[in-house]
Amino acid sequence: MTIAESPLPVSDHISVRLHTLVPGGAHTYAKGDDQYPEDLAPIISHGRGSNVWDVDGNEYIEYGSGLRSVSLGHAHPRVVEAVRRELDRGSNFVRPSVVELEAAERFLATVPTAEMVKFTKNGSDATTAAVRLARAVTGRSLVAVCRDQPFFSTDDWFIGTTPMSAGIPEQLTLSFPYGDLDTTAELLEEREGEIACLILEAATQQEPPHGYLQGMRALADKHGALLVFDEMITGFRWSETGAQGVYGVVPDLSTFGKALGNGFAVSALAGRRDVMEWGGLRHDRDRVFLLSTTHGAETHSLAAAMAVMDTYTEEGISARLHSLGERLASGVAAAAAGMGVADHVLVRGRASNLVFATLDEELKPSQPYRTLFLRRLIAGGVIGPSFVVSSALTEDDIDRTVEVVSQACAVYRKALDAGDPSPWMGGRPVKPVFRCRV
């Protein structure tokens, strides 16, 4: 069965019901049906390993698993067993559980560049806590974020800088470009003594220029600002020790999540002891409201995190993610070249964190061509907003994906030759998440 030629009646019915009850029809904008071709946005029933099934009974090879959070594959046995074991012992108590100590010890042993850690449930809580802590420690109000990176938090200090700033007052947030030390130095000099922290992902689709992260460390030290690495994506995907372990630059604070729980809700704020202690009880300064979440220490989520960390370190998961990604990137590049669209369908990023770009006749990013490409992938049983791999993928999965990409590129070539992708889009184009209008 060709999925694109078959309706998704159950998915469509559930989507209508979701939009009636849930604003946007999903709990994450990136999962919205506007991110997928019209009438081809499957509702997921369940997943196992590298595959997911929709409520209409179709099976897909999945990429971008859980927005990069399910790096070991769905329902990973070791993680599920660790969670099940804790569920029988209770999940939340009026005082700390011994699991909180065990998880902290395991995390700090895995990420030795950090000296203290505090767990919470999502990335935004952790990054906002880092910003709040930096402001308290430095006594400064301004925050500087990397403008070339798409997302740091759902909280006002960041969303106020995006096109979706409706309902948010003006924020004390500045920005700097990635890889440009001179411009960042100028910003720090212009606002000398006002900037509390510099927050960025150490790397995304591009590797940091030589000496860049070391330069950022030096600039932060020179101007009395804290250096914060958002490791939500790079943590574990780059290495078990995060990007900071790969590049050898230690931030003052860093935030981890996504891969840390393999789909379970857990994230972490980690960093220097003297900074983190500001959010504790062992000092005589004014108290800092760092993180205080009822569910931050749910035992089953911390058990999941420990199982993930053990699996990564014992089974070499980071290396496997890179190996799978390299096979996929090479195959997709060859498929695109074979169909004459090598300049239009591109794979970018670190092997463990691949994204794809779809360019039009003028080699500009194109949402219509992205729609065509996504539609053909889904038609071939491959779903994902990216080519981000999980370790559950097999080489056969990768090879099958490359076959589907090749078929998609053949259609892409036809659209380029016609100078119009609309006959192959099946409806309106997919849309970017951050935009002013619906």
Protein backbone atom coordinates (compact mmCIF):
# COMPACT_ATOMS: atom_id res chain seq x y z
CA MET A 1 0.00 0.00 0.00
CA THR A 2 1.24 3.47 -0.89
CA ILE A 3 0.42 5.57 2.13
CA ALA A 4 0.10 8.84 0.20
CA GLU A 5 -2.55 7.31 -2.05
CA SER A 6 -4.46 5.97 0.90
CA PRO A 7 -6.51 8.27 3.16
CA LEU A 8 -5.78 8.54 6.87
CA PRO A 9 -9.38 8.74 8.10
CA VAL A 10 -8.74 7.83 11.72
CA SER A 11 -5.78 10.23 11.96
CA ASP A 12 -7.83 13.00 10.37
CA HIS A 13 -10.74 12.40 12.76
CA ILE A 14 -8.50 12.45 15.83
CA SER A 15 -6.72 15.57 14.57
CA VAL A 16 -10.04 17.41 14.32
CA ARG A 17 -10.89 16.37 17.86
CA LEU A 18 -7.45 17.43 19.09
CA HIS A 19 -7.80 20.90 17.59
CA THR A 20 -11.18 21.21 19.32
CA LEU A 21 -9.70 20.45 22.73
CA VAL A 22 -5.99 21.35 22.50
CA PRO A 23 -4.81 24.71 21.07
CA GLY A 24 -2.76 23.91 17.98
CA GLY A 25 -3.78 20.25 18.09
CA ALA A 26 -0.51 19.21 19.78
CA HIS A 27 1.47 19.95 22.91
CA THR A 28 4.60 20.94 21.01
CA TYR A 29 4.51 23.33 18.06
CA ALA A 30 7.03 21.20 16.19
CA LYS A 31 4.54 18.31 16.24
CA GLY A 32 1.74 20.40 14.73
CA ASP A 33 -0.03 19.19 11.58
CA ASP A 34 1.11 22.42 9.87
CA GLN A 35 4.59 20.88 9.93
CA TYR A 36 3.44 18.05 7.68
CA PRO A 37 1.81 17.88 4.23
CA GLU A 38 -1.91 18.51 4.09
CA ASP A 39 -3.98 15.40 4.89
CA LEU A 40 -0.78 13.47 5.57
CA ALA A 41 -0.09 14.10 9.24
CA PRO A 42 -0.39 10.69 10.92
CA ILE A 43 -1.51 10.36 14.53
CA ILE A 44 0.78 7.86 16.25
CA SER A 45 -0.60 4.77 17.94
CA HIS A 46 2.63 3.29 19.30
CA GLY A 47 6.31 2.78 18.66
CA ARG A 48 8.92 0.13 19.18
CA GLY A 49 12.59 0.47 18.41
CA SER A 50 13.04 2.49 15.24
CA ASN A 51 9.46 2.12 14.03
CA VAL A 52 6.13 3.79 14.77
CA TRP A 53 2.59 2.88 13.76
CA ASP A 54 -0.25 5.31 13.14
CA VAL A 55 -3.86 4.85 14.19
CA ASP A 56 -4.71 3.91 10.60
CA GLY A 57 -2.41 0.89 10.78
CA ASN A 58 0.53 2.20 8.72
CA GLU A 59 4.10 1.47 9.79
CA TYR A 60 6.96 3.96 9.40
CA ILE A 61 10.69 4.14 9.95
CA GLU A 62 10.96 7.15 12.23
CA TYR A 63 13.56 9.90 12.39
CA GLY A 64 13.83 12.79 14.81
CA SER A 65 12.39 10.43 17.44
CA GLY A 66 10.39 12.40 19.98
CA LEU A 67 12.07 15.65 18.87
CA ARG A 68 15.48 14.04 19.49
CA SER A 69 14.53 12.71 22.92
CA VAL A 70 14.22 8.99 22.12
CA SER A 71 17.80 8.31 21.11
CA LEU A 72 17.78 4.63 22.11
CA GLY A 73 14.56 3.84 20.27
CA HIS A 74 11.01 3.48 21.53
CA ALA A 75 10.26 1.25 24.54
CA HIS A 76 13.93 0.41 25.07
CA PRO A 77 13.90 -2.72 27.27
CA ARG A 78 16.56 -1.57 29.72
CA VAL A 79 14.88 1.79 30.27
CA VAL A 80 11.38 0.30 30.52
CA GLU A 81 12.55 -2.24 33.08
CA ALA A 82 14.24 0.44 35.22
CA VAL A 83 11.07 2.53 35.15
CA ARG A 84 8.81 -0.43 35.93
CA ARG A 85 10.98 -1.37 38.91
CA GLU A 86 10.61 2.10 40.45
CA LEU A 87 6.88 2.36 39.78
CA ASP A 88 6.30 -0.47 42.22
CA ARG A 89 8.17 1.50 44.90
CA GLY A 90 6.28 4.79 44.62
CA SER A 91 6.98 7.75 42.38
CA ASN A 92 7.00 10.87 44.58
CA PHE A 93 7.45 11.56 48.27
CA VAL A 94 7.37 14.40 50.80
CA ARG A 95 11.16 14.16 51.26
CA PRO A 96 13.99 13.35 48.83
CA SER A 97 14.26 9.76 47.66
CA VAL A 98 17.57 7.92 47.67
CA VAL A 99 17.09 7.71 43.90
CA GLU A 100 17.78 11.46 43.72
CA LEU A 101 21.23 10.90 45.19
CA GLU A 102 21.91 7.93 42.93
CA ALA A 103 20.85 9.86 39.84
CA ALA A 104 22.96 12.89 40.79
CA GLU A 105 26.01 10.73 41.40
CA ARG A 106 25.49 8.91 38.10
CA PHE A 107 25.05 12.16 36.16
CA LEU A 108 28.12 13.84 37.64
CA ALA A 109 30.20 10.73 37.00
CA THR A 110 29.04 10.78 33.37
CA VAL A 111 29.49 14.54 32.91
CA PRO A 112 32.59 15.21 35.03
CA THR A 113 32.89 18.85 33.92
CA ALA A 114 29.92 19.62 36.21
CA GLU A 115 30.14 19.67 40.02
CA MET A 116 26.47 19.90 41.03
CA VAL A 117 23.20 19.06 39.31
CA LYS A 118 19.50 19.71 39.83
CA PHE A 119 16.84 17.78 37.94
CA THR A 120 13.59 19.07 36.52
CA LYS A 121 11.09 18.02 33.85
CA ASN A 122 11.74 20.00 30.67
CA GLY A 123 14.41 22.01 28.93
CA SER A 124 12.77 25.40 29.36
CA ASP A 125 12.71 25.06 33.14
CA ALA A 126 16.42 24.28 33.14
CA THR A 127 17.52 27.08 30.81
CA THR A 128 15.36 29.63 32.62
CA ALA A 129 16.85 28.52 35.92
CA ALA A 130 20.32 29.02 34.42
CA VAL A 131 19.40 32.55 33.36
CA ARG A 132 17.88 33.35 36.76
CA LEU A 133 20.94 31.99 38.55
CA ALA A 134 23.31 33.97 36.33
CA ARG A 135 21.39 37.16 37.06
CA ALA A 136 21.52 36.49 40.81
CA VAL A 137 25.24 35.65 40.82
CA THR A 138 26.30 38.62 38.70
CA GLY A 139 23.73 41.15 39.89
CA ARG A 140 23.04 41.99 36.25
CA SER A 141 19.80 41.92 34.24
CA LEU A 142 20.68 41.51 30.58
CA VAL A 143 20.89 38.10 28.89
CA ALA A 144 22.67 37.51 25.57
CA VAL A 145 21.50 34.58 23.42
CA CYS A 146 22.87 33.19 20.19
CA ARG A 147 20.61 34.58 17.47
CA ASP A 148 21.49 31.87 14.92
CA GLN A 149 20.07 29.04 17.02
CA PRO A 150 16.35 28.37 16.94
CA PHE A 151 15.18 27.66 20.46
CA PHE A 152 16.18 28.01 24.10
CA SER A 153 13.02 28.25 26.19
CA THR A 154 9.25 28.71 26.20
CA ASP A 155 9.68 31.46 28.78
CA ASP A 156 9.35 35.18 28.06
CA TRP A 157 13.07 36.00 28.11
CA PHE A 158 13.49 33.97 24.91
CA ILE A 159 10.07 33.83 23.20
CA GLY A 160 9.99 37.63 23.37
CA THR A 161 12.85 37.62 20.83
CA THR A 162 10.95 35.50 18.26
CA PRO A 163 8.23 36.40 15.74
CA MET A 164 5.73 34.80 18.17
CA SER A 165 6.09 37.50 20.82
CA ALA A 166 2.37 38.32 21.13
CA GLY A 167 1.38 38.77 24.78
CA ILE A 168 4.96 39.20 25.97
CA PRO A 169 6.34 42.53 27.24
CA GLU A 170 9.74 43.74 26.08
CA GLN A 171 12.48 41.55 27.51
CA LEU A 172 16.00 42.26 28.73
CA THR A 173 17.48 39.99 26.08
CA LEU A 174 20.21 40.79 23.56
CA SER A 175 21.71 38.56 20.88
CA PHE A 176 25.01 37.69 19.24
CA PRO A 177 25.89 35.70 16.08
CA TYR A 178 27.36 32.22 16.25
CA GLY A 179 31.03 31.93 15.43
CA ASP A 180 31.72 35.69 15.54
CA LEU A 181 33.91 36.56 18.51
CA ASP A 182 34.51 40.15 17.41
CA THR A 183 30.80 41.05 17.32
CA THR A 184 30.25 39.35 20.68
CA ALA A 185 33.18 41.26 22.16
CA GLU A 186 31.71 44.52 20.85
CA LEU A 187 28.37 43.69 22.47
CA LEU A 188 30.00 42.96 25.82
CA GLU A 189 32.03 46.16 25.63
CA GLU A 190 29.03 48.24 24.62
CA ARG A 191 27.01 46.87 27.56
CA GLU A 192 29.94 46.54 29.94
CA GLY A 193 28.88 45.30 33.37
CA GLU A 194 25.26 44.71 32.29
CA ILE A 195 25.22 41.22 30.73
CA ALA A 196 24.67 38.36 33.17
CA CYS A 197 25.32 35.48 30.81
CA LEU A 198 26.03 34.30 27.29
CA ILE A 199 23.84 31.32 26.39
CA LEU A 200 24.32 29.18 23.29
CA GLU A 201 24.48 25.67 21.92
CA ALA A 202 28.13 24.74 21.54
CA ALA A 203 27.37 23.37 18.06
CA THR A 204 24.35 22.68 15.87
CA GLN A 205 24.44 22.14 12.10
CA GLN A 206 28.01 23.38 11.95
CA GLU A 207 31.07 22.61 13.99
CA PRO A 208 32.39 25.56 16.01
CA PRO A 209 35.15 27.48 14.22
CA HIS A 210 38.62 26.75 15.55
CA GLY A 211 39.09 28.49 18.88
CA TYR A 212 35.55 29.87 18.97
CA LEU A 213 34.32 28.21 22.16
CA GLN A 214 37.62 28.89 23.88
CA GLY A 215 37.21 32.52 22.81
CA MET A 216 33.70 32.64 24.25
CA ARG A 217 35.05 31.27 27.52
CA ALA A 218 37.69 33.98 27.58
CA LEU A 219 35.19 36.75 26.75
CA ALA A 220 32.82 35.64 29.50
CA ASP A 221 35.67 35.62 32.01
CA LYS A 222 36.98 39.01 30.88
CA HIS A 223 33.60 40.71 31.19
CA GLY A 224 32.34 38.93 34.30
CA ALA A 225 29.48 37.10 32.59
CA LEU A 226 28.60 33.43 32.99
CA LEU A 227 28.97 31.09 30.02
CA VAL A 228 25.96 28.78 29.63
CA PHE A 229 25.87 25.83 27.21
CA ASP A 230 22.44 24.57 26.20
CA GLU A 231 23.18 20.85 25.82
CA MET A 232 19.58 19.75 25.29
CA ILE A 233 20.49 18.40 21.86
CA THR A 234 24.26 17.97 22.06
CA GLY A 235 24.16 16.21 25.43
CA PHE A 236 24.77 12.49 24.84
CA ARG A 237 24.31 12.85 21.05
CA TRP A 238 27.76 14.44 20.71
CA SER A 239 29.20 12.26 23.46
CA GLU A 240 28.28 10.93 26.89
CA THR A 241 30.01 14.00 28.33
CA GLY A 242 28.16 16.40 26.03
CA ALA A 243 29.60 18.92 23.60
CA GLN A 244 31.70 20.38 26.40
CA GLY A 245 33.51 17.06 26.63
CA VAL A 246 34.07 16.91 22.87
CA TYR A 247 35.39 20.46 22.50
CA GLY A 248 37.19 20.71 25.83
CA VAL A 249 35.54 23.93 27.01
CA VAL A 250 33.89 23.97 30.43
CA PRO A 251 30.92 26.33 30.83
CA ASP A 252 29.84 27.80 34.14
CA LEU A 253 26.39 26.24 33.70
CA SER A 254 24.91 23.74 31.26
CA THR A 255 21.50 22.25 30.66
CA PHE A 256 20.72 18.69 29.58
CA GLY A 257 17.53 16.91 28.55
CA LYS A 258 15.99 15.11 25.56
CA ALA A 259 18.27 12.05 25.20
CA LEU A 260 18.77 11.98 28.98
CA GLY A 261 15.40 10.28 29.57
CA ASN A 262 14.81 8.43 26.26
CA GLY A 263 11.35 9.94 26.12
CA PHE A 264 10.70 10.19 29.86
CA ALA A 265 10.38 13.70 31.27
CA VAL A 266 13.68 14.63 32.86
CA SER A 267 16.15 17.45 32.33
CA ALA A 268 19.03 18.85 34.31
CA LEU A 269 20.81 22.06 35.23
CA ALA A 270 24.46 21.42 36.04
CA GLY A 271 27.51 23.52 36.70
CA ARG A 272 30.17 24.93 38.96
CA ARG A 273 29.65 24.29 42.64
CA ASP A 274 30.20 27.89 43.71
CA VAL A 275 27.55 29.05 41.23
CA MET A 276 25.02 26.27 41.80
CA GLU A 277 25.24 26.69 45.59
CA TRP A 278 23.54 30.07 45.22
CA GLY A 279 20.37 28.07 44.69
CA GLY A 280 20.93 26.02 47.85
CA LEU A 281 20.87 26.41 51.62
CA ARG A 282 24.57 26.39 52.49
CA HIS A 283 25.28 30.12 52.30
CA ASP A 284 24.29 33.32 54.10
CA ARG A 285 23.27 35.34 51.01
CA ASP A 286 19.73 36.10 49.87
CA ARG A 287 18.03 32.94 48.69
CA VAL A 288 17.76 32.26 44.95
CA PHE A 289 14.59 30.56 43.72
CA LEU A 290 16.44 28.21 41.41
CA LEU A 291 14.21 25.22 40.66
CA SER A 292 11.32 23.89 42.71
CA THR A 293 9.17 21.40 40.82
CA THR A 294 6.80 18.89 42.36
CA HIS A 295 7.63 16.33 39.72
CA GLY A 296 11.30 17.14 39.21
CA ALA A 297 12.37 14.14 41.25
CA GLU A 298 9.84 11.53 40.10
CA THR A 299 11.66 8.31 40.78
CA HIS A 300 10.74 6.57 37.54
CA SER A 301 12.07 9.42 35.37
CA LEU A 302 15.35 9.49 37.29
CA ALA A 303 15.54 5.71 36.96
CA ALA A 304 15.07 6.12 33.22
CA ALA A 305 17.91 8.66 33.13
CA MET A 306 20.24 6.32 35.00
CA ALA A 307 19.41 3.48 32.64
CA VAL A 308 20.08 5.75 29.67
CA MET A 309 23.44 6.86 31.04
CA ASP A 310 24.46 3.27 31.76
CA THR A 311 23.41 2.16 28.28
CA TYR A 312 25.31 4.98 26.61
CA THR A 313 28.54 4.36 28.48
CA GLU A 314 28.45 0.55 28.38
CA GLU A 315 27.25 0.09 24.80
CA GLY A 316 28.96 2.99 23.03
CA ILE A 317 25.69 4.56 21.90
CA SER A 318 27.20 7.90 20.86
CA ALA A 319 29.57 6.10 18.48
CA ARG A 320 26.69 4.05 17.07
CA LEU A 321 24.61 7.18 16.44
CA HIS A 322 27.51 8.67 14.52
CA SER A 323 28.04 5.49 12.50
CA LEU A 324 24.38 5.24 11.53
CA GLY A 325 24.25 8.93 10.68
CA GLU A 326 27.32 8.70 8.47
CA ARG A 327 25.78 5.79 6.55
CA LEU A 328 22.54 7.73 6.10
CA ALA A 329 24.24 11.01 5.07
CA SER A 330 26.39 9.22 2.52
CA GLY A 331 23.41 7.33 1.10
CA VAL A 332 21.18 10.38 0.84
CA ALA A 333 23.94 12.41 -0.85
CA ALA A 334 24.47 9.61 -3.38
CA ALA A 335 20.72 9.29 -4.01
CA ALA A 336 20.36 13.04 -4.56
CA ALA A 337 23.33 13.09 -6.92
CA GLY A 338 21.98 10.11 -8.83
CA MET A 339 18.72 11.97 -9.51
CA GLY A 340 20.42 15.24 -10.37
CA VAL A 341 19.32 17.18 -7.28
CA ALA A 342 22.54 17.16 -5.26
CA ASP A 343 22.47 20.96 -5.06
CA HIS A 344 18.85 21.01 -3.91
CA VAL A 345 18.45 18.18 -1.38
CA LEU A 346 21.16 18.55 1.24
CA VAL A 347 22.03 16.77 4.47
CA ARG A 348 23.61 18.95 7.12
CA GLY A 349 24.89 18.68 10.65
CA ARG A 350 26.81 16.27 12.80
CA ALA A 351 26.24 12.63 11.87
CA SER A 352 24.32 12.00 15.09
CA ASN A 353 22.07 15.01 14.51
CA LEU A 354 21.33 15.30 10.80
CA VAL A 355 18.82 17.68 9.26
CA PHE A 356 17.89 18.06 5.61
CA ALA A 357 17.52 21.20 3.53
CA THR A 358 15.23 21.54 0.51
CA LEU A 359 16.22 24.26 -1.95
CA ASP A 360 14.33 25.66 -4.92
CA GLU A 361 15.46 26.45 -8.48
CA GLU A 362 17.42 29.45 -7.18
CA LEU A 363 19.00 27.38 -4.41
CA LYS A 364 16.99 29.13 -1.71
CA PRO A 365 15.29 27.30 1.18
CA SER A 366 11.79 26.33 0.10
CA GLN A 367 8.80 25.25 2.17
CA PRO A 368 6.93 24.05 -0.97
CA TYR A 369 9.82 21.78 -1.92
CA ARG A 370 10.06 20.61 1.69
CA THR A 371 6.37 19.70 1.45
CA LEU A 372 6.97 17.67 -1.71
CA PHE A 373 9.93 15.90 -0.12
CA LEU A 374 8.13 15.11 3.15
CA ARG A 375 5.12 13.82 1.23
CA ARG A 376 7.22 11.37 -0.78
CA LEU A 377 9.06 10.18 2.34
CA ILE A 378 5.82 9.49 4.17
CA ALA A 379 4.44 7.78 1.07
CA GLY A 380 7.42 5.44 1.23
CA GLY A 381 6.97 4.68 4.93
CA VAL A 382 9.57 7.10 6.32
CA ILE A 383 8.47 9.83 8.73
CA GLY A 384 10.43 12.60 10.41
CA PRO A 385 11.07 16.32 10.24
CA SER A 386 14.80 15.58 10.11
CA PHE A 387 17.23 12.71 9.61
CA VAL A 388 18.13 12.51 13.31
CA VAL A 389 18.85 8.85 14.02
CA SER A 390 18.17 6.63 17.02
CA SER A 391 20.44 3.75 17.94
CA ALA A 392 17.54 1.35 17.33
CA LEU A 393 17.82 1.87 13.58
CA THR A 394 19.40 -0.98 11.66
CA GLU A 395 21.55 -0.79 8.56
CA ASP A 396 18.59 -2.23 6.66
CA ASP A 397 16.45 0.66 7.95
CA ILE A 398 19.05 3.11 6.67
CA ASP A 399 19.27 1.40 3.28
CA ARG A 400 15.47 1.33 2.94
CA THR A 401 15.37 5.04 3.83
CA VAL A 402 17.92 5.80 1.12
CA GLU A 403 15.73 3.95 -1.40
CA VAL A 404 12.76 6.10 -0.42
CA VAL A 405 14.88 9.25 -0.60
CA SER A 406 15.96 8.26 -4.10
CA GLN A 407 12.31 7.94 -5.15
CA ALA A 408 11.56 11.31 -3.56
CA CYS A 409 14.47 12.90 -5.40
CA ALA A 410 13.15 11.60 -8.72
CA VAL A 411 9.92 13.52 -8.10
CA TYR A 412 11.93 16.51 -6.88
CA ARG A 413 13.77 16.54 -10.23
CA LYS A 414 10.46 16.61 -12.10
CA ALA A 415 9.30 19.57 -10.03
CA LEU A 416 12.53 21.46 -10.65
CA ASP A 417 12.26 20.82 -14.37
CA ALA A 418 8.69 22.09 -14.29
CA GLY A 419 9.70 25.08 -12.19
CA ASP A 420 6.73 24.42 -9.90
CA PRO A 421 6.44 21.89 -7.05
CA SER A 422 2.72 22.49 -6.43
CA PRO A 423 1.41 19.53 -8.52
CA TRP A 424 3.31 17.21 -6.18
CA MET A 425 2.58 18.99 -2.86
CA GLY A 426 -0.95 17.68 -2.32
CA GLY A 427 -2.10 20.97 -0.79
CA ARG A 428 -0.74 23.91 1.18
CA PRO A 429 2.96 24.05 2.01
CA VAL A 430 4.27 23.13 5.42
CA LYS A 431 5.08 26.14 7.58
CA PRO A 432 7.89 27.25 9.89
CA VAL A 433 7.16 26.98 13.60
CA PHE A 434 8.09 30.56 14.45
CA ARG A 435 5.90 32.89 12.40
CA CYS A 436 3.62 35.84 13.10
CA ARG A 437 0.49 34.64 11.33
CA VAL A 438 -1.38 31.34 11.55
